[in-house]
Protein backbone atom coordinates (compact mmCIF):
# COMPACT_ATOMS: atom_id res chain seq x y z
CA VAL A 1 -164.27 -59.27 -20.26
CA LYS A 2 -166.66 -58.94 -23.17
CA THR A 3 -167.68 -55.58 -24.58
CA ARG A 4 -171.11 -56.45 -25.87
CA ASP A 5 -174.50 -54.73 -25.81
CA ILE A 6 -176.61 -56.42 -23.14
CA ARG A 7 -179.78 -55.02 -24.76
CA ASN A 8 -179.24 -57.37 -27.69
CA ASN A 9 -181.30 -60.54 -27.16
CA ASP A 10 -178.61 -62.82 -28.58
CA VAL A 11 -176.04 -61.34 -26.22
CA LYS A 12 -178.39 -61.63 -23.26
CA ASN A 13 -179.39 -65.19 -24.03
CA ASP A 14 -175.76 -66.20 -24.59
CA LEU A 15 -174.77 -64.76 -21.21
CA ILE A 16 -177.62 -66.50 -19.43
CA PHE A 17 -176.85 -69.79 -21.23
CA GLN A 18 -173.20 -69.64 -20.16
CA ILE A 19 -173.89 -69.09 -16.46
CA LYS A 20 -177.33 -70.61 -15.90
CA GLY A 21 -177.09 -73.41 -13.37
CA LYS A 22 -173.78 -72.18 -11.98
CA HIS A 23 -173.53 -70.73 -8.48
CA ILE A 24 -173.22 -66.99 -9.04
CA ASN A 25 -172.29 -64.97 -5.95
CA LEU A 26 -172.89 -61.49 -7.27
CA ILE A 27 -174.25 -59.47 -10.17
CA ALA A 28 -173.24 -55.81 -10.06
CA GLY A 29 -174.26 -52.96 -12.31
CA GLY A 30 -174.76 -49.25 -12.72
CA PHE A 31 -177.52 -48.00 -14.98
CA PRO A 32 -178.64 -44.61 -16.32
CA CYS A 33 -181.73 -43.24 -14.60
CA GLN A 34 -182.60 -40.16 -16.65
CA GLY A 35 -185.32 -41.95 -18.57
CA PHE A 36 -187.29 -42.65 -15.43
CA SER A 37 -187.89 -38.97 -14.82
CA MET A 38 -189.30 -38.57 -18.31
CA ALA A 39 -191.30 -41.76 -18.39
CA GLY A 40 -192.60 -41.86 -14.85
CA LEU A 41 -193.21 -45.41 -13.75
CA ARG A 42 -194.48 -46.54 -17.12
CA GLU A 43 -192.34 -49.20 -18.78
CA ILE A 44 -192.09 -47.39 -22.08
CA ASP A 45 -189.28 -47.78 -24.56
CA ASP A 46 -187.06 -45.00 -23.32
CA PRO A 47 -183.61 -46.39 -24.17
CA ARG A 48 -182.17 -44.92 -21.01
CA ASN A 49 -184.45 -47.12 -18.92
CA SER A 50 -183.51 -50.30 -20.73
CA LEU A 51 -180.31 -51.11 -18.85
CA TYR A 52 -182.19 -51.22 -15.57
CA LYS A 53 -184.74 -53.60 -17.07
CA GLU A 54 -182.01 -55.75 -18.64
CA MET A 55 -180.22 -56.14 -15.31
CA LEU A 56 -183.48 -56.96 -13.54
CA TYR A 57 -184.26 -59.62 -16.14
CA ILE A 58 -180.80 -61.20 -15.94
CA VAL A 59 -181.00 -61.33 -12.14
CA SER A 60 -184.41 -63.00 -12.43
CA GLN A 61 -182.93 -65.69 -14.68
CA VAL A 62 -179.53 -66.25 -13.02
CA LYS A 63 -180.58 -65.74 -9.38
CA PRO A 64 -177.23 -64.66 -7.88
CA ASP A 65 -176.79 -64.69 -4.12
CA PHE A 66 -176.22 -60.92 -4.06
CA VAL A 67 -177.02 -57.94 -6.27
CA LEU A 68 -175.23 -54.60 -6.15
CA MET A 69 -176.37 -51.45 -7.96
CA GLU A 70 -174.81 -47.99 -8.07
CA ASN A 71 -176.44 -44.74 -9.11
CA VAL A 72 -176.36 -40.98 -8.67
CA GLU A 73 -177.60 -39.39 -5.46
CA GLY A 74 -180.48 -37.67 -7.28
CA LEU A 75 -182.18 -41.00 -7.93
CA ARG A 76 -183.44 -41.06 -4.34
CA THR A 77 -185.66 -38.00 -4.83
CA MET A 78 -186.61 -38.68 -8.44
CA LEU A 79 -190.41 -38.58 -8.84
CA ASN A 80 -190.71 -37.96 -5.10
CA GLY A 81 -188.95 -41.21 -4.24
CA LYS A 82 -191.10 -43.41 -6.48
CA ILE A 83 -188.12 -44.60 -8.55
CA GLU A 84 -186.25 -45.81 -5.47
CA ALA A 85 -189.41 -47.49 -4.22
CA LYS A 86 -189.90 -49.19 -7.59
CA ILE A 87 -186.34 -50.58 -7.58
CA LEU A 88 -186.73 -51.90 -4.03
CA ASN A 89 -190.09 -53.45 -4.85
CA ASP A 90 -188.90 -55.04 -8.10
CA TYR A 91 -186.10 -56.85 -6.28
CA LYS A 92 -188.27 -57.81 -3.32
CA ASN A 93 -190.61 -59.46 -5.82
CA LEU A 94 -187.64 -61.55 -6.99
CA GLY A 95 -187.01 -62.69 -3.41
CA TYR A 96 -184.22 -60.28 -2.44
CA LYS A 97 -183.83 -58.59 0.91
CA ILE A 98 -182.59 -55.23 -0.32
CA ASN A 99 -181.25 -52.09 1.30
CA VAL A 100 -180.18 -48.70 -0.01
CA ALA A 101 -177.75 -46.10 1.33
CA THR A 102 -175.92 -43.01 0.12
CA LEU A 103 -172.14 -43.26 0.45
CA ASN A 104 -169.58 -40.47 0.09
CA ALA A 105 -166.33 -41.69 -1.49
CA ALA A 106 -164.33 -39.17 0.58
CA ASN A 107 -165.14 -41.21 3.71
CA TYR A 108 -163.21 -44.14 2.23
CA ALA A 109 -159.88 -42.48 1.31
CA VAL A 110 -160.92 -41.24 -2.14
CA PRO A 111 -159.67 -37.63 -2.54
CA GLN A 112 -163.00 -36.50 -3.88
CA THR A 113 -166.46 -35.62 -2.59
CA ARG A 114 -168.60 -38.07 -4.54
CA LYS A 115 -171.97 -39.20 -3.20
CA ARG A 116 -173.53 -42.26 -4.78
CA VAL A 117 -176.58 -44.37 -4.02
CA ILE A 118 -175.74 -48.02 -3.39
CA PHE A 119 -178.35 -50.79 -3.43
CA ILE A 120 -177.30 -54.13 -1.92
CA GLY A 121 -179.60 -57.14 -1.89
CA ASN A 122 -179.38 -60.86 -1.20
CA ARG A 123 -181.74 -63.83 -1.41
CA ILE A 124 -179.91 -66.19 0.96
CA GLY A 125 -181.02 -64.80 4.32
CA LYS A 126 -177.94 -62.68 5.05
CA GLU A 127 -177.62 -59.20 6.50
CA ASN A 128 -176.74 -56.51 3.96
CA TYR A 129 -173.76 -54.64 5.34
CA TYR A 130 -172.41 -51.27 4.25
CA PRO A 131 -168.84 -50.10 4.82
CA LYS A 132 -168.36 -47.92 7.86
CA PRO A 133 -166.76 -44.51 7.13
CA PHE A 134 -163.19 -44.37 8.42
CA LEU A 135 -162.30 -40.80 7.39
CA ASN A 136 -164.09 -37.49 8.01
CA GLU A 137 -163.63 -33.82 7.20
CA SER A 138 -160.72 -33.58 9.63
CA ASN A 139 -158.59 -36.14 7.79
CA TYR A 140 -159.97 -36.52 4.26
CA LYS A 141 -157.49 -37.23 1.47
CA THR A 142 -156.86 -34.04 -0.47
CA VAL A 143 -156.22 -32.97 -4.05
CA LYS A 144 -152.63 -32.30 -3.01
CA ASP A 145 -152.26 -35.87 -1.71
CA ALA A 146 -153.43 -37.25 -5.05
CA ILE A 147 -151.83 -35.08 -7.72
CA GLU A 148 -148.85 -33.22 -6.27
CA LYS A 149 -146.55 -35.83 -7.82
CA PHE A 150 -147.70 -34.76 -11.30
CA THR A 151 -146.88 -31.06 -10.89
CA THR A 152 -143.32 -31.51 -12.18
CA ILE A 153 -144.15 -33.98 -14.98
CA GLN A 154 -144.33 -32.84 -18.59
CA GLU A 155 -147.16 -33.96 -20.85
CA ASN A 156 -147.00 -37.72 -21.39
CA LYS A 157 -149.75 -39.27 -23.48
CA ALA A 158 -148.53 -42.78 -22.68
CA ILE A 159 -149.74 -42.39 -19.09
CA ASN A 160 -152.86 -40.31 -19.96
CA HIS A 161 -151.21 -37.08 -18.75
CA ILE A 162 -152.61 -35.02 -21.62
CA PHE A 163 -152.88 -31.25 -21.46
CA THR A 164 -155.83 -29.32 -22.84
CA LYS A 165 -155.00 -26.55 -25.33
CA HIS A 166 -156.69 -23.42 -23.96
CA THR A 167 -156.98 -20.06 -25.69
CA ASP A 168 -154.89 -17.21 -24.28
CA LYS A 169 -158.12 -15.57 -23.09
CA MET A 170 -159.16 -18.70 -21.21
CA VAL A 171 -155.70 -19.03 -19.65
CA ASP A 172 -155.91 -15.45 -18.41
CA LYS A 173 -159.32 -16.14 -16.84
CA MET A 174 -158.13 -19.29 -15.09
CA ARG A 175 -154.96 -17.60 -13.85
CA VAL A 176 -156.95 -15.21 -11.62
CA LEU A 177 -159.60 -17.76 -10.62
CA LYS A 178 -159.60 -18.42 -6.87
CA GLN A 179 -159.86 -21.87 -5.33
CA GLY A 180 -163.49 -22.85 -4.87
CA GLN A 181 -164.71 -20.43 -7.53
CA SER A 182 -166.16 -21.15 -10.98
CA LEU A 183 -165.55 -19.26 -14.20
CA TYR A 184 -169.30 -19.10 -14.76
CA ALA A 185 -171.75 -17.86 -12.15
CA ASN A 186 -174.60 -20.02 -13.47
CA PHE A 187 -172.48 -23.21 -13.48
CA SER A 188 -171.21 -23.41 -9.93
CA ASP A 189 -169.85 -26.95 -10.36
CA ALA A 190 -168.22 -26.50 -13.78
CA TRP A 191 -164.92 -24.83 -14.65
CA LYS A 192 -164.30 -24.71 -10.92
CA ARG A 193 -160.86 -24.34 -9.40
CA VAL A 194 -160.64 -27.06 -6.79
CA TYR A 195 -159.06 -26.58 -3.38
CA TRP A 196 -155.50 -27.83 -3.00
CA ASN A 197 -155.95 -28.92 0.61
CA LYS A 198 -159.45 -30.40 0.39
CA PRO A 199 -161.03 -33.28 -1.53
CA SER A 200 -161.98 -32.45 -5.12
CA ASN A 201 -165.55 -31.81 -6.14
CA THR A 202 -167.18 -34.67 -8.07
CA ILE A 203 -165.34 -35.83 -11.19
CA LYS A 204 -167.74 -35.91 -14.14
CA GLU A 205 -167.46 -37.01 -17.74
CA ASN A 206 -167.86 -33.61 -19.38
CA HIS A 207 -164.48 -33.46 -21.10
CA GLY A 208 -162.62 -32.48 -17.93
CA GLY A 209 -164.32 -29.10 -17.77
CA VAL A 210 -165.35 -29.55 -14.15
CA ASN A 211 -161.99 -29.28 -12.44
CA VAL A 212 -159.54 -26.43 -12.93
CA HIS A 213 -156.09 -27.25 -11.53
CA PRO A 214 -155.54 -25.51 -8.17
CA LEU A 215 -152.02 -24.36 -9.08
CA PHE A 216 -151.96 -23.95 -12.87
CA PRO A 217 -154.18 -22.07 -15.39
CA ARG A 218 -155.55 -25.21 -17.03
CA VAL A 219 -158.06 -27.98 -16.46
CA MET A 220 -156.77 -31.24 -15.10
CA THR A 221 -155.39 -34.01 -17.26
CA PRO A 222 -157.03 -37.44 -17.47
CA ARG A 223 -154.19 -38.82 -15.32
CA GLU A 224 -154.83 -36.27 -12.59
CA LEU A 225 -158.56 -36.88 -12.69
CA ALA A 226 -157.97 -40.64 -12.51
CA ALA A 227 -155.86 -40.09 -9.39
CA LEU A 228 -158.73 -38.12 -7.85
CA GLN A 229 -160.92 -41.15 -8.59
CA SER A 230 -158.34 -43.34 -6.75
CA PHE A 231 -157.18 -45.25 -9.85
CA PRO A 232 -153.59 -46.50 -9.52
CA ASP A 233 -151.06 -44.67 -11.68
CA ASP A 234 -150.32 -47.75 -13.79
CA PHE A 235 -153.97 -48.15 -14.86
CA ILE A 236 -153.92 -46.83 -18.42
CA PHE A 237 -157.10 -45.68 -20.15
CA LYS A 238 -157.48 -46.36 -23.87
CA GLY A 239 -159.00 -44.26 -26.63
CA SER A 240 -158.83 -40.54 -27.34
CA LYS A 241 -158.65 -38.03 -24.49
CA LYS A 242 -162.40 -37.44 -24.84
CA TRP A 243 -163.18 -41.10 -24.21
CA GLN A 244 -160.60 -41.39 -21.44
CA LEU A 245 -162.47 -38.60 -19.63
CA VAL A 246 -165.82 -40.32 -20.18
CA GLN A 247 -164.47 -43.56 -18.67
CA ILE A 248 -162.90 -41.78 -15.70
CA GLY A 249 -165.93 -39.60 -14.97
CA ASN A 250 -168.43 -42.46 -15.16
CA ALA A 251 -166.38 -44.88 -13.06
CA VAL A 252 -166.99 -46.00 -9.52
CA PRO A 253 -163.83 -45.04 -7.57
CA PRO A 254 -161.85 -48.25 -7.07
CA LEU A 255 -161.39 -47.61 -3.34
CA LEU A 256 -165.13 -47.17 -2.92
CA GLY A 257 -165.73 -50.37 -4.88
CA LYS A 258 -163.23 -52.14 -2.63
CA VAL A 259 -164.93 -51.26 0.66
CA ILE A 260 -168.35 -52.17 -0.73
CA GLY A 261 -166.93 -55.50 -1.89
CA LEU A 262 -165.45 -56.16 1.54
CA ALA A 263 -168.83 -55.43 3.16
CA ILE A 264 -170.55 -57.91 0.85
CA ARG A 265 -167.86 -60.48 1.54
CA GLN A 266 -168.50 -60.07 5.27
CA SER A 267 -172.16 -60.86 4.64
CA MET A 268 -171.23 -63.92 2.57
CA GLU A 269 -168.87 -65.30 5.17
CA GLU A 270 -171.15 -65.00 8.21
């Protein structure tokens, strides 16, 4: 694992040099898409577009068997679908048969409603498979399933179970907040008390302010949010609480990653 900036030419060239000529099964990535909506289809130097272009360039040089890309659901309607069409066309021009689908993590045993757009492509004549949902609204994993075990645990920074210090006024507001309701009428998906017996709403990176605990007058800890993302309890996030929340909120749920990986492996093995 190397934490380097792929936009740096030296880093990019070093990566390509190390793996060029080797048989690479898969390149996977998730890239910001906000810049596309500002820039249209023009390849201007919006820094938020650059990671998409960097991945496209690396794929063009390394030529892996498969590519996998993850993004937010809103990408599909961005610029009336032109962004999705551009991505599909860019990879078709590189010789990839590519498909796109929207998956909901709750269908794959993640205790959270989280819809993400998944692009899968290959250049070796295989079918691109997607994982079949095996749970539905009648048997989704719930917030209770994921975090009940933490209700009797005191704050423990070593395992990322870090409480947020709220003002007395904020505590009073959260104490009377009903499940499914938000503290702020104009932010329906922020400061929202999640349901105890349903999947959580989408975990985001905004300092934990999305999810109010269903039983206590506080927002959830990084450990609780990680559980809602399906991270195992022994996976410890580094950095301050702020950066732990950024990592957790931006992550692909491991159980969703697993079923996508198994679908790609099925394609490889046929």
